[in-house]
């Protein structure tokens, strides 16, 4: 696993899921996994919207709005002590 991570802090293992490391504590590692999940959702939305060549197309406002809502919802559901909103 360490070899797969190399200089990075997140690794996706095909068929197994993801792993993260952090020198800032478990909350930071979990936050990285949540960010990775959001990126994967954005890629999936783009792929399902226009197919395998989705990178050639710009994201529309509706897709970006959904992305930001997903991030907000995830942060509220899984707030860590450093990310709790007043």
C-alpha atoms as a PDB file:
ATOM      1  CA  UNK A   1       0.000   0.000   0.000  1.00  0.00           C
ATOM      2  CA  UNK A   2       2.804   2.412   0.865  1.00  0.00           C
ATOM      3  CA  UNK A   3       4.381   1.781  -2.536  1.00  0.00           C
ATOM      4  CA  UNK A   4       1.049   2.478  -4.258  1.00  0.00           C
ATOM      5  CA  UNK A   5       0.628   5.720  -2.301  1.00  0.00           C
ATOM      6  CA  UNK A   6       4.124   6.949  -3.124  1.00  0.00           C
ATOM      7  CA  UNK A   7       4.162  10.712  -2.570  1.00  0.00           C
ATOM      8  CA  UNK A   8       0.349  10.939  -2.574  1.00  0.00           C
ATOM      9  CA  UNK A   9      -2.079  10.847   0.338  1.00  0.00           C
ATOM     10  CA  UNK A  10      -4.952   8.970  -1.341  1.00  0.00           C
ATOM     11  CA  UNK A  11      -4.987   5.765  -3.374  1.00  0.00           C
ATOM     12  CA  UNK A  12      -7.855   4.058  -5.190  1.00  0.00           C
ATOM     13  CA  UNK A  13      -7.559   0.287  -5.269  1.00  0.00           C
ATOM     14  CA  UNK A  14      -9.556  -1.225  -8.138  1.00  0.00           C
ATOM     15  CA  UNK A  15     -12.231  -3.482  -6.710  1.00  0.00           C
ATOM     16  CA  UNK A  16     -11.258  -2.694  -3.119  1.00  0.00           C
ATOM     17  CA  UNK A  17     -11.988   0.959  -2.401  1.00  0.00           C
ATOM     18  CA  UNK A  18      -9.752   3.787  -1.267  1.00  0.00           C
ATOM     19  CA  UNK A  19      -7.191   4.442   1.436  1.00  0.00           C
ATOM     20  CA  UNK A  20      -5.885   7.720   2.819  1.00  0.00           C
ATOM     21  CA  UNK A  21      -3.057   8.789   5.059  1.00  0.00           C
ATOM     22  CA  UNK A  22      -2.493  12.037   6.903  1.00  0.00           C
ATOM     23  CA  UNK A  23       0.010  13.430   9.339  1.00  0.00           C
ATOM     24  CA  UNK A  24      -2.703  15.761  10.670  1.00  0.00           C
ATOM     25  CA  UNK A  25      -4.845  13.085  12.285  1.00  0.00           C
ATOM     26  CA  UNK A  26      -7.728  10.770  11.384  1.00  0.00           C
ATOM     27  CA  UNK A  27     -10.195  13.628  10.827  1.00  0.00           C
ATOM     28  CA  UNK A  28      -8.022  14.985   8.030  1.00  0.00           C
ATOM     29  CA  UNK A  29      -7.728  11.547   6.414  1.00  0.00           C
ATOM     30  CA  UNK A  30     -11.507  11.128   6.568  1.00  0.00           C
ATOM     31  CA  UNK A  31     -11.995  14.575   5.055  1.00  0.00           C
ATOM     32  CA  UNK A  32      -9.758  13.524   2.171  1.00  0.00           C
ATOM     33  CA  UNK A  33     -11.893  10.430   1.577  1.00  0.00           C
ATOM     34  CA  UNK A  34     -15.016  12.589   1.552  1.00  0.00           C
ATOM     35  CA  UNK A  35     -13.427  14.949  -0.968  1.00  0.00           C
ATOM     36  CA  UNK A  36     -12.432  11.988  -3.111  1.00  0.00           C
ATOM     37  CA  UNK A  37     -16.014  10.705  -2.970  1.00  0.00           C
ATOM     38  CA  UNK A  38     -17.289  14.070  -4.199  1.00  0.00           C
ATOM     39  CA  UNK A  39     -14.789  14.092  -7.064  1.00  0.00           C
ATOM     40  CA  UNK A  40     -15.869  10.589  -8.039  1.00  0.00           C
ATOM     41  CA  UNK A  41     -19.524  11.650  -7.994  1.00  0.00           C
ATOM     42  CA  UNK A  42     -18.743  14.635 -10.223  1.00  0.00           C
ATOM     43  CA  UNK A  43     -16.914  12.402 -12.688  1.00  0.00           C
ATOM     44  CA  UNK A  44     -19.765   9.900 -12.665  1.00  0.00           C
ATOM     45  CA  UNK A  45     -22.344  12.648 -13.264  1.00  0.00           C
ATOM     46  CA  UNK A  46     -20.291  13.985 -16.170  1.00  0.00           C
ATOM     47  CA  UNK A  47     -19.740  10.526 -17.622  1.00  0.00           C
ATOM     48  CA  UNK A  48     -23.413   9.565 -17.423  1.00  0.00           C
ATOM     49  CA  UNK A  49     -24.489  12.908 -18.891  1.00  0.00           C
ATOM     50  CA  UNK A  50     -22.397  12.836 -22.069  1.00  0.00           C
ATOM     51  CA  UNK A  51     -20.521   9.534 -22.224  1.00  0.00           C
ATOM     52  CA  UNK A  52     -16.864   8.639 -22.207  1.00  0.00           C
ATOM     53  CA  UNK A  53     -15.794  11.915 -23.854  1.00  0.00           C
ATOM     54  CA  UNK A  54     -17.228  14.017 -21.033  1.00  0.00           C
ATOM     55  CA  UNK A  55     -13.931  15.837 -20.467  1.00  0.00           C
ATOM     56  CA  UNK A  56     -14.407  17.643 -23.772  1.00  0.00           C
ATOM     57  CA  UNK A  57     -17.548  19.308 -22.458  1.00  0.00           C
ATOM     58  CA  UNK A  58     -17.789  22.057 -19.856  1.00  0.00           C
ATOM     59  CA  UNK A  59     -19.877  21.471 -16.751  1.00  0.00           C
ATOM     60  CA  UNK A  60     -23.157  23.354 -16.890  1.00  0.00           C
ATOM     61  CA  UNK A  61     -24.505  25.487 -14.046  1.00  0.00           C
ATOM     62  CA  UNK A  62     -26.971  22.802 -12.907  1.00  0.00           C
ATOM     63  CA  UNK A  63     -24.196  20.223 -12.541  1.00  0.00           C
ATOM     64  CA  UNK A  64     -21.987  22.642 -10.617  1.00  0.00           C
ATOM     65  CA  UNK A  65     -24.892  23.602  -8.348  1.00  0.00           C
ATOM     66  CA  UNK A  66     -25.528  19.919  -7.587  1.00  0.00           C
ATOM     67  CA  UNK A  67     -21.811  19.428  -6.897  1.00  0.00           C
ATOM     68  CA  UNK A  68     -21.679  22.277  -4.374  1.00  0.00           C
ATOM     69  CA  UNK A  69     -24.882  21.038  -2.698  1.00  0.00           C
ATOM     70  CA  UNK A  70     -23.372  17.549  -2.370  1.00  0.00           C
ATOM     71  CA  UNK A  71     -20.246  19.013  -0.758  1.00  0.00           C
ATOM     72  CA  UNK A  72     -22.313  21.076   1.661  1.00  0.00           C
ATOM     73  CA  UNK A  73     -24.524  18.118   2.588  1.00  0.00           C
ATOM     74  CA  UNK A  74     -21.498  15.877   3.127  1.00  0.00           C
ATOM     75  CA  UNK A  75     -19.760  18.434   5.340  1.00  0.00           C
ATOM     76  CA  UNK A  76     -22.866  18.894   7.470  1.00  0.00           C
ATOM     77  CA  UNK A  77     -23.481  15.152   7.850  1.00  0.00           C
ATOM     78  CA  UNK A  78     -19.870  14.352   8.665  1.00  0.00           C
ATOM     79  CA  UNK A  79     -18.635  17.447  10.473  1.00  0.00           C
ATOM     80  CA  UNK A  80     -15.348  17.015  12.299  1.00  0.00           C
ATOM     81  CA  UNK A  81     -14.383  19.226  15.265  1.00  0.00           C
ATOM     82  CA  UNK A  82     -12.334  21.523  13.028  1.00  0.00           C
ATOM     83  CA  UNK A  83     -15.131  21.797  10.449  1.00  0.00           C
ATOM     84  CA  UNK A  84     -18.185  22.301  12.640  1.00  0.00           C
ATOM     85  CA  UNK A  85     -20.072  25.359  11.514  1.00  0.00           C
ATOM     86  CA  UNK A  86     -21.473  27.861  14.027  1.00  0.00           C
END
